Amino acid sequence: MKVSQLLYGIAIGALSGATAVLLTTPKSGNDLRTSLKSTSSEYRDKLSDVKIHLQDLKASISNLAKESKEVIPSTVEDIKASVQLWKSETDPLQQQLQSEISSLQTAIEELERTLPKKVTTGEVN
């Protein structure tokens, strides 16, 4: 089937559908035209509002992109500096904790060696 035949068939179908709707409508021709004009006017107004909102949205997105290009790099640098500061502040504490853990392990091993070993017999008390 050729595209031109398909388009011709669609146009004929749309025209006959529109004619059927107009002939079976409960309104008079004048009322129908008035109704169509008011409806089309409402849709134009709504479309105009949508267009304005889309322009505002586009401007907002543009501003957001521009601001994020300026703010994100400085924020990343601030975070990196904060992490470095935190690491430098916690390194001595971490070393102290590791030292204390090591001394505790040594003390536990010493206690295990010095305490008498309990002899277990297979009896349950």
PDB file of N, CA and C in Angstrom:
ATOM      1  N   MET A   1       0.859  -1.172   0.000  1.00  0.00           N
ATOM      2  CA  MET A   1       0.000   0.000   0.000  1.00  0.00           C
ATOM      3  C   MET A   1       0.903   1.231   0.000  1.00  0.00           C
ATOM      4  N   LYS A   2       0.549   2.184  -0.823  1.00  0.00           N
ATOM      5  CA  LYS A   2       1.321   3.414  -0.917  1.00  0.00           C
ATOM      6  C   LYS A   2       0.920   4.375   0.199  1.00  0.00           C
ATOM      7  N   VAL A   3       1.864   5.219   0.571  1.00  0.00           N
ATOM      8  CA  VAL A   3       1.623   6.190   1.634  1.00  0.00           C
ATOM      9  C   VAL A   3       0.544   7.186   1.231  1.00  0.00           C
ATOM     10  N   SER A   4       0.538   7.588  -0.034  1.00  0.00           N
ATOM     11  CA  SER A   4      -0.461   8.566  -0.478  1.00  0.00           C
ATOM     12  C   SER A   4      -1.878   7.990  -0.375  1.00  0.00           C
ATOM     13  N   GLN A   5      -2.021   6.704  -0.679  1.00  0.00           N
ATOM     14  CA  GLN A   5      -3.341   6.071  -0.553  1.00  0.00           C
ATOM     15  C   GLN A   5      -3.768   5.999   0.912  1.00  0.00           C
ATOM     16  N   LEU A   6      -2.818   5.706   1.785  1.00  0.00           N
ATOM     17  CA  LEU A   6      -3.115   5.647   3.211  1.00  0.00           C
ATOM     18  C   LEU A   6      -3.553   7.019   3.722  1.00  0.00           C
ATOM     19  N   LEU A   7      -2.822   8.057   3.361  1.00  0.00           N
ATOM     20  CA  LEU A   7      -3.173   9.408   3.794  1.00  0.00           C
ATOM     21  C   LEU A   7      -4.512   9.839   3.221  1.00  0.00           C
ATOM     22  N   TYR A   8      -4.776   9.463   1.978  1.00  0.00           N
ATOM     23  CA  TYR A   8      -6.062   9.778   1.347  1.00  0.00           C
ATOM     24  C   TYR A   8      -7.195   9.094   2.108  1.00  0.00           C
ATOM     25  N   GLY A   9      -7.003   7.846   2.491  1.00  0.00           N
ATOM     26  CA  GLY A   9      -8.005   7.111   3.245  1.00  0.00           C
ATOM     27  C   GLY A   9      -8.241   7.725   4.627  1.00  0.00           C
ATOM     28  N   ILE A  10      -7.160   8.144   5.291  1.00  0.00           N
ATOM     29  CA  ILE A  10      -7.288   8.787   6.606  1.00  0.00           C
ATOM     30  C   ILE A  10      -8.055  10.095   6.475  1.00  0.00           C
ATOM     31  N   ALA A  11      -7.740  10.889   5.445  1.00  0.00           N
ATOM     32  CA  ALA A  11      -8.423  12.168   5.250  1.00  0.00           C
ATOM     33  C   ALA A  11      -9.907  11.946   4.983  1.00  0.00           C
ATOM     34  N   ILE A  12     -10.250  10.984   4.159  1.00  0.00           N
ATOM     35  CA  ILE A  12     -11.655  10.681   3.853  1.00  0.00           C
ATOM     36  C   ILE A  12     -12.373  10.237   5.129  1.00  0.00           C
ATOM     37  N   GLY A  13     -11.725   9.378   5.910  1.00  0.00           N
ATOM     38  CA  GLY A  13     -12.319   8.894   7.153  1.00  0.00           C
ATOM     39  C   GLY A  13     -12.552  10.017   8.148  1.00  0.00           C
ATOM     40  N   ALA A  14     -11.567  10.927   8.283  1.00  0.00           N
ATOM     41  CA  ALA A  14     -11.713  12.044   9.204  1.00  0.00           C
ATOM     42  C   ALA A  14     -12.833  12.979   8.752  1.00  0.00           C
ATOM     43  N   LEU A  15     -12.909  13.239   7.455  1.00  0.00           N
ATOM     44  CA  LEU A  15     -13.939  14.110   6.919  1.00  0.00           C
ATOM     45  C   LEU A  15     -15.331  13.502   7.113  1.00  0.00           C
ATOM     46  N   SER A  16     -15.467  12.225   6.840  1.00  0.00           N
ATOM     47  CA  SER A  16     -16.777  11.602   7.018  1.00  0.00           C
ATOM     48  C   SER A  16     -17.137  11.500   8.494  1.00  0.00           C
ATOM     49  N   GLY A  17     -16.156  11.291   9.377  1.00  0.00           N
ATOM     50  CA  GLY A  17     -16.419  11.271  10.815  1.00  0.00           C
ATOM     51  C   GLY A  17     -16.867  12.627  11.315  1.00  0.00           C
ATOM     52  N   ALA A  18     -16.189  13.681  10.857  1.00  0.00           N
ATOM     53  CA  ALA A  18     -16.565  15.041  11.262  1.00  0.00           C
ATOM     54  C   ALA A  18     -17.970  15.379  10.765  1.00  0.00           C
ATOM     55  N   THR A  19     -18.278  14.966   9.539  1.00  0.00           N
ATOM     56  CA  THR A  19     -19.617  15.216   8.990  1.00  0.00           C
ATOM     57  C   THR A  19     -20.678  14.488   9.803  1.00  0.00           C
ATOM     58  N   ALA A  20     -20.401  13.251  10.180  1.00  0.00           N
ATOM     59  CA  ALA A  20     -21.362  12.475  10.972  1.00  0.00           C
ATOM     60  C   ALA A  20     -21.587  13.127  12.327  1.00  0.00           C
ATOM     61  N   VAL A  21     -20.535  13.622  12.931  1.00  0.00           N
ATOM     62  CA  VAL A  21     -20.668  14.280  14.240  1.00  0.00           C
ATOM     63  C   VAL A  21     -21.487  15.549  14.104  1.00  0.00           C
ATOM     64  N   LEU A  22     -21.222  16.341  13.085  1.00  0.00           N
ATOM     65  CA  LEU A  22     -21.954  17.592  12.903  1.00  0.00           C
ATOM     66  C   LEU A  22     -23.432  17.351  12.615  1.00  0.00           C
ATOM     67  N   LEU A  23     -23.716  16.306  11.854  1.00  0.00           N
ATOM     68  CA  LEU A  23     -25.115  16.034  11.505  1.00  0.00           C
ATOM     69  C   LEU A  23     -25.897  15.405  12.658  1.00  0.00           C
ATOM     70  N   THR A  24     -25.209  14.735  13.571  1.00  0.00           N
ATOM     71  CA  THR A  24     -25.918  14.069  14.672  1.00  0.00           C
ATOM     72  C   THR A  24     -25.839  14.839  15.979  1.00  0.00           C
ATOM     73  N   THR A  25     -25.248  16.000  15.957  1.00  0.00           N
ATOM     74  CA  THR A  25     -25.129  16.784  17.185  1.00  0.00           C
ATOM     75  C   THR A  25     -26.489  17.344  17.608  1.00  0.00           C
ATOM     76  N   PRO A  26     -26.746  17.398  18.922  1.00  0.00           N
ATOM     77  CA  PRO A  26     -28.047  17.898  19.383  1.00  0.00           C
ATOM     78  C   PRO A  26     -28.146  19.424  19.332  1.00  0.00           C
ATOM     79  N   LYS A  27     -27.059  20.116  19.048  1.00  0.00           N
ATOM     80  CA  LYS A  27     -27.079  21.579  19.002  1.00  0.00           C
ATOM     81  C   LYS A  27     -27.328  22.061  17.578  1.00  0.00           C
ATOM     82  N   SER A  28     -27.816  23.278  17.495  1.00  0.00           N
ATOM     83  CA  SER A  28     -27.984  23.884  16.174  1.00  0.00           C
ATOM     84  C   SER A  28     -26.610  24.315  15.656  1.00  0.00           C
ATOM     85  N   GLY A  29     -26.532  24.611  14.394  1.00  0.00           N
ATOM     86  CA  GLY A  29     -25.265  25.019  13.792  1.00  0.00           C
ATOM     87  C   GLY A  29     -24.673  26.240  14.460  1.00  0.00           C
ATOM     88  N   ASN A  30     -25.513  27.245  14.738  1.00  0.00           N
ATOM     89  CA  ASN A  30     -25.040  28.469  15.373  1.00  0.00           C
ATOM     90  C   ASN A  30     -24.511  28.184  16.780  1.00  0.00           C
ATOM     91  N   ASP A  31     -25.251  27.379  17.548  1.00  0.00           N
ATOM     92  CA  ASP A  31     -24.806  27.021  18.897  1.00  0.00           C
ATOM     93  C   ASP A  31     -23.501  26.233  18.855  1.00  0.00           C
ATOM     94  N   LEU A  32     -23.410  25.348  17.901  1.00  0.00           N
ATOM     95  CA  LEU A  32     -22.207  24.532  17.774  1.00  0.00           C
ATOM     96  C   LEU A  32     -21.000  25.399  17.437  1.00  0.00           C
ATOM     97  N   ARG A  33     -21.173  26.341  16.496  1.00  0.00           N
ATOM     98  CA  ARG A  33     -20.061  27.237  16.140  1.00  0.00           C
ATOM     99  C   ARG A  33     -19.643  28.079  17.335  1.00  0.00           C
ATOM    100  N   THR A  34     -20.611  28.591  18.074  1.00  0.00           N
ATOM    101  CA  THR A  34     -20.300  29.397  19.260  1.00  0.00           C
ATOM    102  C   THR A  34     -19.547  28.549  20.287  1.00  0.00           C
ATOM    103  N   SER A  35     -20.026  27.337  20.471  1.00  0.00           N
ATOM    104  CA  SER A  35     -19.379  26.424  21.413  1.00  0.00           C
ATOM    105  C   SER A  35     -17.951  26.105  20.974  1.00  0.00           C
ATOM    106  N   LEU A  36     -17.766  25.844  19.689  1.00  0.00           N
ATOM    107  CA  LEU A  36     -16.432  25.550  19.161  1.00  0.00           C
ATOM    108  C   LEU A  36     -15.497  26.742  19.313  1.00  0.00           C
ATOM    109  N   LYS A  37     -16.018  27.953  19.061  1.00  0.00           N
ATOM    110  CA  LYS A  37     -15.193  29.154  19.195  1.00  0.00           C
ATOM    111  C   LYS A  37     -14.766  29.355  20.639  1.00  0.00           C
ATOM    112  N   SER A  38     -15.692  29.188  21.575  1.00  0.00           N
ATOM    113  CA  SER A  38     -15.339  29.389  22.989  1.00  0.00           C
ATOM    114  C   SER A  38     -14.357  28.312  23.460  1.00  0.00           C
ATOM    115  N   THR A  39     -14.585  27.088  23.001  1.00  0.00           N
ATOM    116  CA  THR A  39     -13.672  26.007  23.381  1.00  0.00           C
ATOM    117  C   THR A  39     -12.286  26.243  22.805  1.00  0.00           C
ATOM    118  N   SER A  40     -12.232  26.647  21.541  1.00  0.00           N
ATOM    119  CA  SER A  40     -10.922  26.901  20.937  1.00  0.00           C
ATOM    120  C   SER A  40     -10.239  28.085  21.617  1.00  0.00           C
ATOM    121  N   SER A  41     -11.020  29.084  22.020  1.00  0.00           N
ATOM    122  CA  SER A  41     -10.448  30.227  22.732  1.00  0.00           C
ATOM    123  C   SER A  41      -9.882  29.790  24.087  1.00  0.00           C
ATOM    124  N   GLU A  42     -10.619  28.928  24.782  1.00  0.00           N
ATOM    125  CA  GLU A  42     -10.129  28.408  26.069  1.00  0.00           C
ATOM    126  C   GLU A  42      -8.836  27.620  25.884  1.00  0.00           C
ATOM    127  N   TYR A  43      -8.817  26.787  24.847  1.00  0.00           N
ATOM    128  CA  TYR A  43      -7.617  25.988  24.603  1.00  0.00           C
ATOM    129  C   TYR A  43      -6.431  26.867  24.224  1.00  0.00           C
ATOM    130  N   ARG A  44      -6.680  27.923  23.469  1.00  0.00           N
ATOM    131  CA  ARG A  44      -5.598  28.856  23.134  1.00  0.00           C
ATOM    132  C   ARG A  44      -5.041  29.510  24.391  1.00  0.00           C
ATOM    133  N   ASP A  45      -5.938  29.934  25.284  1.00  0.00           N
ATOM    134  CA  ASP A  45      -5.491  30.551  26.541  1.00  0.00           C
ATOM    135  C   ASP A  45      -4.676  29.568  27.381  1.00  0.00           C
ATOM    136  N   LYS A  46      -5.176  28.330  27.469  1.00  0.00           N
ATOM    137  CA  LYS A  46      -4.452  27.318  28.237  1.00  0.00           C
ATOM    138  C   LYS A  46      -3.103  27.015  27.601  1.00  0.00           C
ATOM    139  N   LEU A  47      -3.074  26.947  26.279  1.00  0.00           N
ATOM    140  CA  LEU A  47      -1.821  26.701  25.580  1.00  0.00           C
ATOM    141  C   LEU A  47      -0.843  27.846  25.803  1.00  0.00           C
ATOM    142  N   SER A  48      -1.352  29.062  25.821  1.00  0.00           N
ATOM    143  CA  SER A  48      -0.505  30.224  26.094  1.00  0.00           C
ATOM    144  C   SER A  48       0.065  30.147  27.509  1.00  0.00           C
ATOM    145  N   ASP A  49      -0.773  29.744  28.479  1.00  0.00           N
ATOM    146  CA  ASP A  49      -0.289  29.587  29.856  1.00  0.00           C
ATOM    147  C   ASP A  49       0.783  28.513  29.942  1.00  0.00           C
ATOM    148  N   VAL A  50       0.562  27.409  29.243  1.00  0.00           N
ATOM    149  CA  VAL A  50       1.548  26.328  29.245  1.00  0.00           C
ATOM    150  C   VAL A  50       2.855  26.815  28.635  1.00  0.00           C
ATOM    151  N   LYS A  51       2.752  27.581  27.570  1.00  0.00           N
ATOM    152  CA  LYS A  51       3.949  28.106  26.911  1.00  0.00           C
ATOM    153  C   LYS A  51       4.731  29.012  27.867  1.00  0.00           C
ATOM    154  N   ILE A  52       4.023  29.872  28.596  1.00  0.00           N
ATOM    155  CA  ILE A  52       4.679  30.766  29.567  1.00  0.00           C
ATOM    156  C   ILE A  52       5.340  29.950  30.666  1.00  0.00           C
ATOM    157  N   HIS A  53       4.629  28.928  31.179  1.00  0.00           N
ATOM    158  CA  HIS A  53       5.194  28.084  32.234  1.00  0.00           C
ATOM    159  C   HIS A  53       6.430  27.338  31.733  1.00  0.00           C
ATOM    160  N   LEU A  54       6.383  26.868  30.496  1.00  0.00           N
ATOM    161  CA  LEU A  54       7.548  26.178  29.943  1.00  0.00           C
ATOM    162  C   LEU A  54       8.740  27.115  29.798  1.00  0.00           C
ATOM    163  N   GLN A  55       8.485  28.365  29.416  1.00  0.00           N
ATOM    164  CA  GLN A  55       9.575  29.337  29.317  1.00  0.00           C
ATOM    165  C   GLN A  55      10.166  29.607  30.698  1.00  0.00           C
ATOM    166  N   ASP A  56       9.294  29.727  31.713  1.00  0.00           N
ATOM    167  CA  ASP A  56       9.784  29.922  33.080  1.00  0.00           C
ATOM    168  C   ASP A  56      10.601  28.722  33.550  1.00  0.00           C
ATOM    169  N   LEU A  57      10.106  27.537  33.239  1.00  0.00           N
ATOM    170  CA  LEU A  57      10.819  26.323  33.613  1.00  0.00           C
ATOM    171  C   LEU A  57      12.177  26.250  32.929  1.00  0.00           C
ATOM    172  N   LYS A  58      12.206  26.602  31.659  1.00  0.00           N
ATOM    173  CA  LYS A  58      13.466  26.592  30.910  1.00  0.00           C
ATOM    174  C   LYS A  58      14.461  27.580  31.524  1.00  0.00           C
ATOM    175  N   ALA A  59      13.984  28.752  31.895  1.00  0.00           N
ATOM    176  CA  ALA A  59      14.859  29.746  32.528  1.00  0.00           C
ATOM    177  C   ALA A  59      15.353  29.245  33.883  1.00  0.00           C
ATOM    178  N   SER A  60      14.467  28.610  34.645  1.00  0.00           N
ATOM    179  CA  SER A  60      14.867  28.079  35.947  1.00  0.00           C
ATOM    180  C   SER A  60      15.925  26.997  35.810  1.00  0.00           C
ATOM    181  N   ILE A  61      15.734  26.107  34.841  1.00  0.00           N
ATOM    182  CA  ILE A  61      16.710  25.044  34.615  1.00  0.00           C
ATOM    183  C   ILE A  61      18.049  25.631  34.184  1.00  0.00           C
ATOM    184  N   SER A  62      17.996  26.636  33.340  1.00  0.00           N
ATOM    185  CA  SER A  62      19.224  27.292  32.892  1.00  0.00           C
ATOM    186  C   SER A  62      19.958  27.925  34.070  1.00  0.00           C
ATOM    187  N   ASN A  63      19.204  28.622  34.940  1.00  0.00           N
ATOM    188  CA  ASN A  63      19.826  29.237  36.115  1.00  0.00           C
ATOM    189  C   ASN A  63      20.396  28.185  37.057  1.00  0.00           C
ATOM    190  N   LEU A  64      19.669  27.095  37.245  1.00  0.00           N
ATOM    191  CA  LEU A  64      20.142  26.025  38.108  1.00  0.00           C
ATOM    192  C   LEU A  64      21.435  25.424  37.576  1.00  0.00           C
ATOM    193  N   ALA A  65      21.491  25.197  36.280  1.00  0.00           N
ATOM    194  CA  ALA A  65      22.707  24.643  35.674  1.00  0.00           C
ATOM    195  C   ALA A  65      23.882  25.600  35.844  1.00  0.00           C
ATOM    196  N   LYS A  66      23.626  26.866  35.649  1.00  0.00           N
ATOM    197  CA  LYS A  66      24.686  27.872  35.783  1.00  0.00           C
ATOM    198  C   LYS A  66      25.190  27.945  37.224  1.00  0.00           C
ATOM    199  N   GLU A  67      24.262  27.969  38.175  1.00  0.00           N
ATOM    200  CA  GLU A  67      24.642  28.042  39.587  1.00  0.00           C
ATOM    201  C   GLU A  67      25.359  26.776  40.039  1.00  0.00           C
ATOM    202  N   SER A  68      24.909  25.623  39.546  1.00  0.00           N
ATOM    203  CA  SER A  68      25.543  24.375  39.961  1.00  0.00           C
ATOM    204  C   SER A  68      26.975  24.292  39.443  1.00  0.00           C
ATOM    205  N   LYS A  69      27.235  24.850  38.265  1.00  0.00           N
ATOM    206  CA  LYS A  69      28.606  24.872  37.754  1.00  0.00           C
ATOM    207  C   LYS A  69      29.513  25.707  38.635  1.00  0.00           C
ATOM    208  N   GLU A  70      28.946  26.712  39.286  1.00  0.00           N
ATOM    209  CA  GLU A  70      29.738  27.566  40.156  1.00  0.00           C
ATOM    210  C   GLU A  70      29.861  26.982  41.560  1.00  0.00           C
ATOM    211  N   VAL A  71      28.797  26.383  42.067  1.00  0.00           N
ATOM    212  CA  VAL A  71      28.754  25.960  43.463  1.00  0.00           C
ATOM    213  C   VAL A  71      29.368  24.579  43.682  1.00  0.00           C
ATOM    214  N   ILE A  72      29.121  23.645  42.791  1.00  0.00           N
ATOM    215  CA  ILE A  72      29.556  22.263  43.006  1.00  0.00           C
ATOM    216  C   ILE A  72      31.078  22.145  43.161  1.00  0.00           C
ATOM    217  N   PRO A  73      31.893  22.754  42.315  1.00  0.00           N
ATOM    218  CA  PRO A  73      33.345  22.608  42.509  1.00  0.00           C
ATOM    219  C   PRO A  73      33.829  23.126  43.869  1.00  0.00           C
ATOM    220  N   SER A  74      33.309  24.251  44.310  1.00  0.00           N
ATOM    221  CA  SER A  74      33.748  24.763  45.613  1.00  0.00           C
ATOM    222  C   SER A  74      33.257  23.869  46.746  1.00  0.00           C
ATOM    223  N   THR A  75      32.071  23.311  46.606  1.00  0.00           N
ATOM    224  CA  THR A  75      31.559  22.400  47.629  1.00  0.00           C
ATOM    225  C   THR A  75      32.403  21.137  47.697  1.00  0.00           C
ATOM    226  N   VAL A  76      32.788  20.607  46.549  1.00  0.00           N
ATOM    227  CA  VAL A  76      33.637  19.412  46.518  1.00  0.00           C
ATOM    228  C   VAL A  76      34.972  19.701  47.193  1.00  0.00           C
ATOM    229  N   GLU A  77      35.547  20.840  46.916  1.00  0.00           N
ATOM    230  CA  GLU A  77      36.818  21.208  47.543  1.00  0.00           C
ATOM    231  C   GLU A  77      36.656  21.349  49.054  1.00  0.00           C
ATOM    232  N   ASP A  78      35.565  21.941  49.499  1.00  0.00           N
ATOM    233  CA  ASP A  78      35.305  22.068  50.940  1.00  0.00           C
ATOM    234  C   ASP A  78      35.175  20.705  51.601  1.00  0.00           C
ATOM    235  N   ILE A  79      34.499  19.788  50.935  1.00  0.00           N
ATOM    236  CA  ILE A  79      34.339  18.440  51.485  1.00  0.00           C
ATOM    237  C   ILE A  79      35.689  17.734  51.562  1.00  0.00           C
ATOM    238  N   LYS A  80      36.494  17.869  50.519  1.00  0.00           N
ATOM    239  CA  LYS A  80      37.824  17.253  50.537  1.00  0.00           C
ATOM    240  C   LYS A  80      38.666  17.814  51.686  1.00  0.00           C
ATOM    241  N   ALA A  81      38.603  19.125  51.877  1.00  0.00           N
ATOM    242  CA  ALA A  81      39.360  19.743  52.965  1.00  0.00           C
ATOM    243  C   ALA A  81      38.858  19.252  54.327  1.00  0.00           C
ATOM    244  N   SER A  82      37.550  19.110  54.479  1.00  0.00           N
ATOM    245  CA  SER A  82      36.985  18.616  55.735  1.00  0.00           C
ATOM    246  C   SER A  82      37.411  17.187  56.020  1.00  0.00           C
ATOM    247  N   VAL A  83      37.434  16.359  54.992  1.00  0.00           N
ATOM    248  CA  VAL A  83      37.852  14.964  55.162  1.00  0.00           C
ATOM    249  C   VAL A  83      39.323  14.909  55.554  1.00  0.00           C
ATOM    250  N   GLN A  84      40.141  15.700  54.916  1.00  0.00           N
ATOM    251  CA  GLN A  84      41.567  15.737  55.257  1.00  0.00           C
ATOM    252  C   GLN A  84      41.770  16.186  56.705  1.00  0.00           C
ATOM    253  N   LEU A  85      41.041  17.211  57.113  1.00  0.00           N
ATOM    254  CA  LEU A  85      41.137  17.698  58.487  1.00  0.00           C
ATOM    255  C   LEU A  85      40.700  16.615  59.467  1.00  0.00           C
ATOM    256  N   TRP A  86      39.606  15.934  59.157  1.00  0.00           N
ATOM    257  CA  TRP A  86      39.114  14.857  60.019  1.00  0.00           C
ATOM    258  C   TRP A  86      40.151  13.740  60.139  1.00  0.00           C
ATOM    259  N   LYS A  87      40.766  13.377  59.004  1.00  0.00           N
ATOM    260  CA  LYS A  87      41.794  12.337  59.038  1.00  0.00           C
ATOM    261  C   LYS A  87      42.974  12.750  59.902  1.00  0.00           C
ATOM    262  N   SER A  88      43.410  13.989  59.741  1.00  0.00           N
ATOM    263  CA  SER A  88      44.564  14.450  60.513  1.00  0.00           C
ATOM    264  C   SER A  88      44.243  14.534  62.002  1.00  0.00           C
ATOM    265  N   GLU A  89      42.989  14.826  62.341  1.00  0.00           N
ATOM    266  CA  GLU A  89      42.603  14.896  63.753  1.00  0.00           C
ATOM    267  C   GLU A  89      42.412  13.510  64.353  1.00  0.00           C
ATOM    268  N   THR A  90      41.988  12.542  63.569  1.00  0.00           N
ATOM    269  CA  THR A  90      41.705  11.212  64.115  1.00  0.00           C
ATOM    270  C   THR A  90      42.892  10.262  64.052  1.00  0.00           C
ATOM    271  N   ASP A  91      43.924  10.557  63.271  1.00  0.00           N
ATOM    272  CA  ASP A  91      45.086   9.674  63.187  1.00  0.00           C
ATOM    273  C   ASP A  91      45.752   9.453  64.544  1.00  0.00           C
ATOM    274  N   PRO A  92      46.037  10.502  65.335  1.00  0.00           N
ATOM    275  CA  PRO A  92      46.637  10.247  66.645  1.00  0.00           C
ATOM    276  C   PRO A  92      45.735   9.403  67.554  1.00  0.00           C
ATOM    277  N   LEU A  93      44.441   9.649  67.514  1.00  0.00           N
ATOM    278  CA  LEU A  93      43.514   8.861  68.329  1.00  0.00           C
ATOM    279  C   LEU A  93      43.501   7.407  67.885  1.00  0.00           C
ATOM    280  N   GLN A  94      43.546   7.188  66.603  1.00  0.00           N
ATOM    281  CA  GLN A  94      43.548   5.832  66.064  1.00  0.00           C
ATOM    282  C   GLN A  94      44.819   5.101  66.495  1.00  0.00           C
ATOM    283  N   GLN A  95      45.951   5.771  66.427  1.00  0.00           N
ATOM    284  CA  GLN A  95      47.204   5.155  66.846  1.00  0.00           C
ATOM    285  C   GLN A  95      47.186   4.855  68.346  1.00  0.00           C
ATOM    286  N   GLN A  96      46.631   5.768  69.128  1.00  0.00           N
ATOM    287  CA  GLN A  96      46.533   5.552  70.572  1.00  0.00           C
ATOM    288  C   GLN A  96      45.629   4.350  70.870  1.00  0.00           C
ATOM    289  N   LEU A  97      44.497   4.250  70.178  1.00  0.00           N
ATOM    290  CA  LEU A  97      43.601   3.117  70.376  1.00  0.00           C
ATOM    291  C   LEU A  97      44.274   1.798  69.994  1.00  0.00           C
ATOM    292  N   GLN A  98      45.012   1.791  68.902  1.00  0.00           N
ATOM    293  CA  GLN A  98      45.704   0.576  68.484  1.00  0.00           C
ATOM    294  C   GLN A  98      46.763   0.179  69.515  1.00  0.00           C
ATOM    295  N   SER A  99      47.434   1.176  70.059  1.00  0.00           N
ATOM    296  CA  SER A  99      48.433   0.913  71.093  1.00  0.00           C
ATOM    297  C   SER A  99      47.776   0.321  72.331  1.00  0.00           C
ATOM    298  N   GLU A 100      46.652   0.875  72.752  1.00  0.00           N
ATOM    299  CA  GLU A 100      45.947   0.361  73.923  1.00  0.00           C
ATOM    300  C   GLU A 100      45.408  -1.047  73.675  1.00  0.00           C
ATOM    301  N   ILE A 101      44.912  -1.299  72.490  1.00  0.00           N
ATOM    302  CA  ILE A 101      44.427  -2.643  72.146  1.00  0.00           C
ATOM    303  C   ILE A 101      45.576  -3.641  72.196  1.00  0.00           C
ATOM    304  N   SER A 102      46.709  -3.246  71.691  1.00  0.00           N
ATOM    305  CA  SER A 102      47.884  -4.112  71.703  1.00  0.00           C
ATOM    306  C   SER A 102      48.315  -4.413  73.136  1.00  0.00           C
ATOM    307  N   SER A 103      48.314  -3.388  73.980  1.00  0.00           N
ATOM    308  CA  SER A 103      48.703  -3.620  75.382  1.00  0.00           C
ATOM    309  C   SER A 103      47.679  -4.484  76.103  1.00  0.00           C
ATOM    310  N   LEU A 104      46.415  -4.329  75.785  1.00  0.00           N
ATOM    311  CA  LEU A 104      45.385  -5.189  76.379  1.00  0.00           C
ATOM    312  C   LEU A 104      45.572  -6.642  75.949  1.00  0.00           C
ATOM    313  N   GLN A 105      45.886  -6.854  74.675  1.00  0.00           N
ATOM    314  CA  GLN A 105      46.117  -8.213  74.202  1.00  0.00           C
ATOM    315  C   GLN A 105      47.325  -8.838  74.889  1.00  0.00           C
ATOM    316  N   THR A 106      48.360  -8.045  75.088  1.00  0.00           N
ATOM    317  CA  THR A 106      49.555  -8.533  75.781  1.00  0.00           C
ATOM    318  C   THR A 106      49.209  -8.898  77.216  1.00  0.00           C
ATOM    319  N   ALA A 107      48.423  -8.043  77.884  1.00  0.00           N
ATOM    320  CA  ALA A 107      48.032  -8.314  79.270  1.00  0.00           C
ATOM    321  C   ALA A 107      47.183  -9.575  79.369  1.00  0.00           C
ATOM    322  N   ILE A 108      46.292  -9.800  78.422  1.00  0.00           N
ATOM    323  CA  ILE A 108      45.447 -10.999  78.423  1.00  0.00           C
ATOM    324  C   ILE A 108      46.316 -12.243  78.222  1.00  0.00           C
ATOM    325  N   GLU A 109      47.254 -12.169  77.308  1.00  0.00           N
ATOM    326  CA  GLU A 109      48.148 -13.309  77.082  1.00  0.00           C
ATOM    327  C   GLU A 109      48.969 -13.612  78.334  1.00  0.00           C
ATOM    328  N   GLU A 110      49.432 -12.567  79.000  1.00  0.00           N
ATOM    329  CA  GLU A 110      50.222 -12.738  80.239  1.00  0.00           C
ATOM    330  C   GLU A 110      49.364 -13.388  81.317  1.00  0.00           C
ATOM    331  N   LEU A 111      48.105 -12.950  81.442  1.00  0.00           N
ATOM    332  CA  LEU A 111      47.197 -13.540  82.424  1.00  0.00           C
ATOM    333  C   LEU A 111      46.928 -15.012  82.105  1.00  0.00           C
ATOM    334  N   GLU A 112      46.765 -15.328  80.842  1.00  0.00           N
ATOM    335  CA  GLU A 112      46.520 -16.709  80.463  1.00  0.00           C
ATOM    336  C   GLU A 112      47.701 -17.608  80.807  1.00  0.00           C
ATOM    337  N   ARG A 113      48.908 -17.095  80.710  1.00  0.00           N
ATOM    338  CA  ARG A 113      50.092 -17.888  81.023  1.00  0.00           C
ATOM    339  C   ARG A 113      50.264 -18.066  82.531  1.00  0.00           C
ATOM    340  N   THR A 114      49.936 -17.028  83.282  1.00  0.00           N
ATOM    341  CA  THR A 114      50.172 -17.089  84.723  1.00  0.00           C
ATOM    342  C   THR A 114      49.076 -17.795  85.489  1.00  0.00           C
ATOM    343  N   LEU A 115      47.881 -17.818  85.007  1.00  0.00           N
ATOM    344  CA  LEU A 115      46.791 -18.493  85.711  1.00  0.00           C
ATOM    345  C   LEU A 115      46.970 -20.002  85.593  1.00  0.00           C
ATOM    346  N   PRO A 116      46.649 -20.720  86.688  1.00  0.00           N
ATOM    347  CA  PRO A 116      46.789 -22.183  86.607  1.00  0.00           C
ATOM    348  C   PRO A 116      45.747 -22.748  85.650  1.00  0.00           C
ATOM    349  N   LYS A 117      46.163 -23.748  84.961  1.00  0.00           N
ATOM    350  CA  LYS A 117      45.254 -24.382  84.007  1.00  0.00           C
ATOM    351  C   LYS A 117      44.317 -25.285  84.782  1.00  0.00           C
ATOM    352  N   LYS A 118      43.072 -25.224  84.423  1.00  0.00           N
ATOM    353  CA  LYS A 118      42.034 -26.025  85.069  1.00  0.00           C
ATOM    354  C   LYS A 118      42.033 -27.400  84.406  1.00  0.00           C
ATOM    355  N   VAL A 119      42.072 -28.420  85.209  1.00  0.00           N
ATOM    356  CA  VAL A 119      42.052 -29.785  84.675  1.00  0.00           C
ATOM    357  C   VAL A 119      40.601 -30.208  84.583  1.00  0.00           C
ATOM    358  N   THR A 120      40.214 -30.644  83.436  1.00  0.00           N
ATOM    359  CA  THR A 120      38.851 -31.104  83.273  1.00  0.00           C
ATOM    360  C   THR A 120      38.835 -32.609  83.261  1.00  0.00           C
ATOM    361  N   THR A 121      37.949 -33.161  84.002  1.00  0.00           N
ATOM    362  CA  THR A 121      37.802 -34.627  84.038  1.00  0.00           C
ATOM    363  C   THR A 121      36.583 -34.965  83.239  1.00  0.00           C
ATOM    364  N   GLY A 122      36.048 -35.594  82.857  1.00  0.00           N
ATOM    365  CA  GLY A 122      34.844 -35.775  82.072  1.00  0.00           C
ATOM    366  C   GLY A 122      33.588 -35.728  82.898  1.00  0.00           C
ATOM    367  N   GLU A 123      33.697 -35.502  84.208  1.00  0.00           N
ATOM    368  CA  GLU A 123      32.526 -35.490  85.077  1.00  0.00           C
ATOM    369  C   GLU A 123      31.886 -34.131  85.075  1.00  0.00           C
ATOM    370  N   VAL A 124      30.581 -34.175  85.204  1.00  0.00           N
ATOM    371  CA  VAL A 124      29.833 -32.933  85.257  1.00  0.00           C
ATOM    372  C   VAL A 124      29.320 -32.770  86.677  1.00  0.00           C
ATOM    373  N   ASN A 125      29.523 -31.614  87.268  1.00  0.00           N
ATOM    374  CA  ASN A 125      29.075 -31.361  88.642  1.00  0.00           C
ATOM    375  C   ASN A 125      27.666 -30.922  88.671  1.00  0.00           C
TER     376      ASN A 125
END
